[in-house]
Protein backbone atom coordinates (compact mmCIF):
# COMPACT_ATOMS: atom_id res chain seq x y z
CA MET A 1 104.98 120.98 80.05
CA SER A 2 105.72 119.58 84.26
CA THR A 3 107.51 116.38 84.10
CA ASP A 4 104.68 116.00 87.35
CA GLU A 5 102.03 116.33 85.07
CA VAL A 6 101.15 112.70 84.64
CA ARG A 7 100.88 111.69 87.66
CA HIS A 8 98.92 114.93 89.26
CA LEU A 9 96.63 112.76 87.17
CA ILE A 10 96.63 109.64 88.00
CA GLN A 11 96.40 111.30 91.53
CA ALA A 12 93.61 113.54 90.71
CA LEU A 13 91.65 110.31 89.19
CA CYS A 14 92.26 108.29 92.13
CA SER A 15 90.79 111.03 94.33
CA GLY A 16 87.62 111.14 92.48
CA LYS A 17 88.63 114.97 91.15
CA LEU A 18 88.61 114.34 88.09
CA THR A 19 87.16 111.45 85.97
CA LEU A 20 89.05 108.86 83.74
CA ASP A 21 86.84 111.54 80.34
CA GLU A 22 88.85 114.14 81.29
CA VAL A 23 91.82 112.75 82.06
CA ALA A 24 91.53 110.52 78.78
CA ALA A 25 91.31 114.06 76.78
CA ARG A 26 94.09 115.33 78.74
CA PHE A 27 96.52 112.36 78.07
CA ARG A 28 95.01 112.69 74.04
CA SER A 29 96.42 115.99 74.20
CA ARG A 30 99.43 116.17 75.43
CA THR A 31 103.01 115.01 73.37
CA TRP A 32 105.07 112.29 75.19
CA PRO A 33 108.09 111.59 75.21
CA GLU A 34 109.99 108.33 73.76
CA THR A 35 110.73 105.96 76.13
CA ALA A 36 112.24 103.18 73.51
CA VAL A 37 115.36 101.95 73.29
CA ARG A 38 117.44 101.49 70.35
CA ASP A 39 116.90 97.83 69.93
CA PRO A 40 120.75 96.11 69.63
CA GLN A 41 122.28 95.87 65.94
CA ASN A 42 124.65 92.71 66.79
CA TYR A 43 125.16 90.27 68.88
CA LEU A 44 127.23 91.62 71.12
CA GLU A 45 124.84 94.28 71.34
CA LEU A 46 122.65 92.10 72.69
CA ALA A 47 124.87 90.29 75.11
CA LYS A 48 125.55 93.39 77.08
CA ALA A 49 121.48 94.70 76.97
CA ALA A 50 120.98 91.51 77.92
CA GLN A 51 123.61 92.40 81.05
CA ARG A 52 122.28 95.73 81.88
CA ASP A 53 119.85 97.07 84.41
CA PRO A 54 115.97 98.26 83.19
CA GLU A 55 116.60 101.54 81.93
CA PRO A 56 114.61 103.53 84.66
CA ASP A 57 111.35 105.10 84.37
CA VAL A 58 110.94 108.40 82.61
CA PRO A 59 109.61 111.56 84.97
CA GLY A 60 106.55 112.36 82.37
CA SER A 61 106.15 109.73 80.28
CA PHE A 62 103.64 106.37 79.68
CA ASP A 63 106.06 104.47 82.17
CA GLU A 64 104.37 106.32 84.96
CA VAL A 65 100.84 105.06 83.67
CA THR A 66 102.07 101.97 83.81
CA ALA A 67 103.96 102.14 87.47
CA ALA A 68 100.72 103.70 88.99
CA TYR A 69 98.61 99.99 87.30
CA ASP A 70 101.75 98.03 89.14
CA ARG A 71 101.22 99.52 91.83
CA GLY A 72 97.11 99.07 91.85
CA GLU A 73 96.21 102.53 91.89
CA LEU A 74 94.46 101.87 88.61
CA THR A 75 91.97 99.23 87.40
CA ARG A 76 92.29 97.07 83.80
CA GLU A 77 89.79 99.63 82.62
CA GLN A 78 91.35 102.48 83.13
CA TYR A 79 94.61 101.22 82.46
CA ARG A 80 93.22 100.62 79.08
CA THR A 81 91.16 104.00 78.44
CA LEU A 82 94.50 105.82 79.22
CA ALA A 83 97.22 103.91 77.46
CA HIS A 84 94.84 104.04 74.14
CA ALA A 85 94.20 107.87 74.71
CA VAL A 86 98.16 108.26 74.70
CA ALA A 87 98.42 106.00 71.52
CA ASP A 88 95.94 108.54 69.58
CA ALA A 89 98.22 111.44 70.90
CA ILE A 90 101.39 109.67 69.72
CA ASN A 91 99.83 108.68 66.08
CA ARG A 92 98.79 112.45 66.28
CA GLU A 93 102.40 113.80 66.94
CA ALA A 94 103.92 110.47 64.64
CA GLY A 95 101.57 112.10 61.69
CA ARG A 96 102.58 115.63 62.08
CA ASN A 97 106.09 114.67 61.66
CA GLY A 98 104.70 112.60 58.89
CA ALA A 99 105.79 109.43 60.36
CA GLY A 100 102.75 107.77 60.33
C-alpha cells in the first residue's frame, strides 16, 4: 500500500474522477496506520508532552483526510462520510485482531 494512496484518492474525489461513495468504499477496505501517541503516565510525562511540538502528520493516515478538510478541499459532508468509512475499517481490523 502506497503512503500516497490517501492523497491520490482525495485528489480524485476533488477532481470528480471518483465519487464520494467510491472513495469511502476504498477507505473502508484499506488498513489505516495508527497515529495515536501514548498518553502520559505521570505529571512529568504530561509536562514534557505539553512542551513538544505537535507530531507530524503520518503519511497514508487519517491525518491526511483531516488536513484536506482543514485546507477546505473537503466539505463537511465529505469529511463526515470519509471519517465513518475510516472508523469502519479500523473497527473491522480491531475485530480481526481480537481487540473489538
